[in-house]
Amino acid sequence: MKLLVGLGNPGSKYQGNRHNIGYMAVDRIAADHGDGGWKSKFQGQVADVRFGSDRAVLLKPETFMNNSGQSVGEAMRFHKLSPEDIVVFHDELDLAPAKVRLKSGGGHAGHNGLRSIHAHIGADYDRVRLGIGHPGHKDAVAGYVLRDFAKADGDWLDDLLRGISDGVGQLVAGHGDKFLNAVSLKVAPPRSSTSRPKERPAPQTAPAPAPQKAPEPPAPDTRSALQRLKDHFK
């Protein structure tokens, strides 16, 4: 069994924040694959999902981002899981919007939610890094992540969440490459092959030269022999 954790902050005030894209991911998974809705447990909200014979539990910690590890640790111990059974969906400043990367273990890179999880269960869990872009300066980061996605982000964000939901069964089964492929097919679908290629212009050739007229034969000489002799000595 896998524990799929979406990071964010609880309450309508934060619902559309960039920092809450982890919540958005597991909300979409629950809507498409859930059985029974969300329930309060482990200082958060939980939902059960199945993908064939594979079962997973979704978790949205409600301890606020900086204390996410409290909820994750409680759920992990209850289900007798190890850190390797946990996948955390979180916002990633160092990736362009709509980009997705998988990571196993490693540092928290200053992300407060991951920092808290590290403190409670260690670093050996998997992460789905969801790109939100960077504001350009570190002093602007706090305000940037705690602001709502712009209206112009709506299309790629919806495509991203649909792709995550389409591929999450592969992720639970341990096929990370197939999960990323499912996301890519929604975010950057292949171009249609039905459009006709442009016709190339015919190569330019020099015009053929005009045919030359054959010289006209000389007129027949009708002079007499005596006349031709006279004309010769003129």
Protein backbone atom coordinates (compact mmCIF):
# COMPACT_ATOMS: atom_id res chain seq x y z
CA MET A 1 0.00 0.00 0.00
CA LYS A 2 1.09 3.57 -0.70
CA LEU A 3 0.39 6.75 1.27
CA LEU A 4 -0.03 9.65 -1.17
CA VAL A 5 0.39 12.97 0.60
CA GLY A 6 -0.62 16.33 -0.86
CA LEU A 7 0.94 19.34 0.84
CA GLY A 8 -0.87 22.61 1.39
CA ASN A 9 -2.57 24.82 3.95
CA PRO A 10 -6.16 24.20 5.12
CA GLY A 11 -8.99 26.68 4.68
CA SER A 12 -10.62 28.59 1.83
CA LYS A 13 -8.13 31.45 2.25
CA TYR A 14 -5.35 29.24 0.86
CA GLN A 15 -7.36 27.06 -1.51
CA GLY A 16 -6.09 28.55 -4.76
CA ASN A 17 -2.52 29.29 -3.62
CA ARG A 18 0.47 28.03 -5.56
CA HIS A 19 1.66 26.47 -2.29
CA ASN A 20 -1.47 24.29 -2.35
CA ILE A 21 -0.85 22.51 -5.64
CA GLY A 22 -0.17 19.30 -3.65
CA TYR A 23 -3.67 19.52 -2.18
CA MET A 24 -5.05 20.09 -5.69
CA ALA A 25 -3.31 16.97 -7.01
CA VAL A 26 -4.73 14.59 -4.39
CA ASP A 27 -8.15 16.28 -4.60
CA ARG A 28 -8.24 15.45 -8.31
CA ILE A 29 -7.11 11.86 -7.65
CA ALA A 30 -9.84 11.46 -5.02
CA ALA A 31 -12.49 12.88 -7.35
CA ASP A 32 -11.56 10.47 -10.15
CA HIS A 33 -10.64 7.32 -8.20
CA GLY A 34 -11.88 7.74 -4.63
CA ASP A 35 -14.34 5.54 -2.78
CA GLY A 36 -16.31 7.15 0.04
CA GLY A 37 -14.99 10.71 0.10
CA TRP A 38 -12.72 12.45 2.62
CA LYS A 39 -12.68 11.70 6.36
CA SER A 40 -10.95 13.45 9.24
CA LYS A 41 -8.02 11.42 10.57
CA PHE A 42 -4.31 11.77 11.43
CA GLN A 43 -4.65 15.54 11.91
CA GLY A 44 -5.76 15.79 8.32
CA GLN A 45 -8.18 14.52 5.69
CA VAL A 46 -7.89 10.99 4.28
CA ALA A 47 -9.50 9.13 1.37
CA ASP A 48 -9.11 5.58 0.04
CA VAL A 49 -8.40 4.89 -3.63
CA ARG A 50 -7.85 1.71 -5.63
CA PHE A 51 -6.14 1.02 -8.93
CA GLY A 52 -6.96 -2.58 -9.80
CA SER A 53 -5.49 -4.67 -6.99
CA ASP A 54 -3.35 -1.77 -5.70
CA ARG A 55 -4.65 0.26 -2.79
CA ALA A 56 -3.52 3.71 -1.69
CA VAL A 57 -4.50 6.19 1.00
CA LEU A 58 -4.62 9.89 0.21
CA LEU A 59 -3.68 12.35 2.94
CA LYS A 60 -4.01 16.13 3.18
CA PRO A 61 -2.34 17.27 6.43
CA GLU A 62 -4.29 20.03 8.17
CA THR A 63 -1.50 21.01 10.55
CA PHE A 64 -0.48 23.83 8.16
CA MET A 65 2.50 23.44 5.89
CA ASN A 66 5.23 23.96 8.48
CA ASN A 67 4.00 21.03 10.60
CA SER A 68 3.04 18.59 7.84
CA GLY A 69 5.33 15.91 9.26
CA GLN A 70 3.14 15.44 12.34
CA SER A 71 0.23 14.22 10.22
CA VAL A 72 2.39 12.18 7.84
CA GLY A 73 4.22 10.43 10.68
CA GLU A 74 0.97 9.54 12.45
CA ALA A 75 -0.55 8.05 9.28
CA MET A 76 2.63 6.13 8.47
CA ARG A 77 2.80 4.52 11.90
CA PHE A 78 -0.90 3.64 11.95
CA HIS A 79 -0.70 1.80 8.62
CA LYS A 80 2.67 0.21 9.56
CA LEU A 81 4.36 1.70 6.51
CA SER A 82 7.96 2.67 5.92
CA PRO A 83 9.14 6.00 4.43
CA GLU A 84 9.67 4.20 1.10
CA ASP A 85 5.87 3.65 0.93
CA ILE A 86 5.16 7.39 1.03
CA VAL A 87 4.83 9.72 -1.97
CA VAL A 88 4.56 13.47 -1.34
CA PHE A 89 3.10 15.87 -3.93
CA HIS A 90 4.45 19.39 -3.43
CA ASP A 91 5.09 22.71 -5.16
CA GLU A 92 8.54 23.22 -6.67
CA LEU A 93 9.96 26.69 -7.31
CA ASP A 94 12.94 25.38 -9.25
CA LEU A 95 10.79 23.89 -12.02
CA ALA A 96 8.93 25.82 -14.70
CA PRO A 97 5.12 25.79 -14.48
CA ALA A 98 3.59 22.44 -15.57
CA LYS A 99 6.92 20.60 -15.32
CA VAL A 100 6.90 17.44 -13.18
CA ARG A 101 9.83 15.49 -11.78
CA LEU A 102 10.13 12.48 -9.47
CA LYS A 103 12.66 12.30 -6.68
CA SER A 104 13.53 9.67 -4.07
CA GLY A 105 15.22 10.78 -0.86
CA GLY A 106 17.61 13.69 -0.68
CA GLY A 107 17.32 17.12 0.88
CA HIS A 108 14.28 19.33 1.39
CA ALA A 109 15.75 22.36 -0.50
CA GLY A 110 14.26 24.78 2.03
CA HIS A 111 10.65 23.66 1.50
CA ASN A 112 9.02 23.98 4.93
CA GLY A 113 6.58 21.12 4.40
CA LEU A 114 9.36 18.74 3.39
CA ARG A 115 11.55 20.02 6.21
CA SER A 116 8.85 19.01 8.70
CA ILE A 117 8.42 15.57 7.09
CA HIS A 118 12.18 15.04 7.24
CA ALA A 119 12.09 15.79 10.96
CA HIS A 120 9.35 13.20 11.63
CA ILE A 121 10.09 10.28 9.30
CA GLY A 122 13.50 10.96 7.75
CA ALA A 123 14.39 11.66 4.12
CA ASP A 124 13.78 8.26 2.49
CA TYR A 125 10.38 8.99 0.94
CA ASP A 126 9.42 9.75 -2.68
CA ARG A 127 8.35 13.12 -3.97
CA VAL A 128 6.41 14.37 -6.98
CA ARG A 129 7.81 17.84 -7.63
CA LEU A 130 5.19 20.05 -9.29
CA GLY A 131 6.66 23.08 -11.04
CA ILE A 132 5.15 26.49 -10.26
CA GLY A 133 8.02 28.68 -11.48
CA HIS A 134 10.09 31.18 -9.51
CA PRO A 135 9.30 34.87 -8.91
CA GLY A 136 12.88 35.80 -9.78
CA HIS A 137 14.20 36.86 -6.37
CA LYS A 138 14.34 34.95 -3.10
CA ASP A 139 12.80 37.86 -1.16
CA ALA A 140 9.63 37.51 -3.26
CA VAL A 141 9.19 33.76 -2.70
CA ALA A 142 6.91 33.90 0.38
CA GLY A 143 4.43 36.25 -1.25
CA TYR A 144 4.57 34.36 -4.52
CA VAL A 145 3.73 30.89 -3.17
CA LEU A 146 0.97 32.26 -0.93
CA ARG A 147 -0.81 33.98 -3.82
CA ASP A 148 -3.40 32.29 -6.01
CA PHE A 149 -2.52 30.96 -9.43
CA ALA A 150 -3.17 33.57 -12.11
CA LYS A 151 -6.19 33.15 -14.36
CA ALA A 152 -3.81 32.56 -17.27
CA ASP A 153 -2.47 29.47 -15.44
CA GLY A 154 -5.85 27.76 -15.53
CA ASP A 155 -5.38 25.75 -18.73
CA TRP A 156 -1.99 24.22 -17.99
CA LEU A 157 -2.93 23.62 -14.35
CA ASP A 158 -6.04 21.68 -15.32
CA ASP A 159 -4.08 19.65 -17.87
CA LEU A 160 -1.42 18.90 -15.25
CA LEU A 161 -3.93 17.70 -12.66
CA ARG A 162 -5.75 15.52 -15.20
CA GLY A 163 -2.45 13.99 -16.25
CA ILE A 164 -1.54 13.22 -12.64
CA SER A 165 -4.90 11.53 -12.12
CA ASP A 166 -4.52 9.53 -15.35
CA GLY A 167 -1.09 8.24 -14.40
CA VAL A 168 -1.28 7.85 -10.64
CA GLY A 169 -2.12 4.15 -10.88
CA GLN A 170 1.21 3.61 -12.62
CA LEU A 171 2.95 5.59 -9.88
CA VAL A 172 1.40 3.43 -7.17
CA ALA A 173 2.47 0.31 -9.08
CA GLY A 174 6.06 1.57 -9.15
CA HIS A 175 6.20 2.65 -12.80
CA GLY A 176 7.39 6.23 -12.49
CA ASP A 177 8.28 6.54 -16.18
CA LYS A 178 4.75 5.60 -17.24
CA PHE A 179 3.33 8.08 -14.74
CA LEU A 180 5.43 10.89 -16.21
CA ASN A 181 4.40 9.84 -19.72
CA ALA A 182 0.71 10.09 -18.77
CA VAL A 183 1.29 13.60 -17.43
CA SER A 184 3.18 14.59 -20.57
CA LEU A 185 0.38 13.36 -22.83
CA LYS A 186 -1.99 15.83 -21.15
CA VAL A 187 0.37 18.78 -20.71
CA ALA A 188 2.19 18.51 -24.05
CA PRO A 189 0.21 16.20 -26.37
CA PRO A 190 1.83 15.18 -29.66
CA ARG A 191 0.95 17.33 -32.64
CA SER A 192 -1.70 16.10 -35.07
CA SER A 193 -0.39 14.32 -38.16
CA THR A 194 -3.50 15.14 -40.26
CA SER A 195 -2.24 18.48 -41.54
CA ARG A 196 -0.81 18.31 -45.07
CA PRO A 197 2.81 19.32 -45.50
CA LYS A 198 3.42 22.49 -47.43
CA GLU A 199 4.19 21.92 -51.12
CA ARG A 200 7.64 22.96 -52.13
CA PRO A 201 7.86 25.38 -55.08
CA ALA A 202 9.09 23.86 -58.33
CA PRO A 203 12.78 24.48 -58.94
CA GLN A 204 13.50 27.50 -61.13
CA THR A 205 15.08 26.66 -64.50
CA ALA A 206 16.42 28.94 -67.22
CA PRO A 207 14.03 29.36 -70.17
CA ALA A 208 14.87 27.26 -73.20
CA PRO A 209 16.49 29.28 -76.05
CA ALA A 210 14.21 30.13 -78.97
CA PRO A 211 14.77 27.85 -81.96
CA GLN A 212 16.84 29.47 -84.71
CA LYS A 213 15.43 29.63 -88.26
CA ALA A 214 17.30 27.63 -90.89
CA PRO A 215 18.91 29.87 -93.59
CA GLU A 216 16.87 30.15 -96.77
CA PRO A 217 18.44 28.45 -99.82
CA PRO A 218 19.84 30.87 -102.49
CA ALA A 219 17.67 31.65 -105.49
CA PRO A 220 18.53 29.60 -108.60
CA ASP A 221 20.95 31.32 -111.07
CA THR A 222 19.03 31.68 -114.40
CA ARG A 223 21.78 33.55 -116.32
CA SER A 224 23.30 32.12 -119.43
CA ALA A 225 26.94 31.08 -119.49
CA LEU A 226 27.86 34.13 -121.60
CA GLN A 227 26.04 36.45 -119.22
CA ARG A 228 27.79 34.91 -116.18
CA LEU A 229 31.18 35.43 -117.92
CA LYS A 230 30.37 39.06 -118.66
CA ASP A 231 29.28 39.67 -115.07
CA HIS A 232 32.51 38.13 -113.77
CA PHE A 233 34.69 40.70 -115.59
CA LYS A 234 32.60 43.74 -114.66
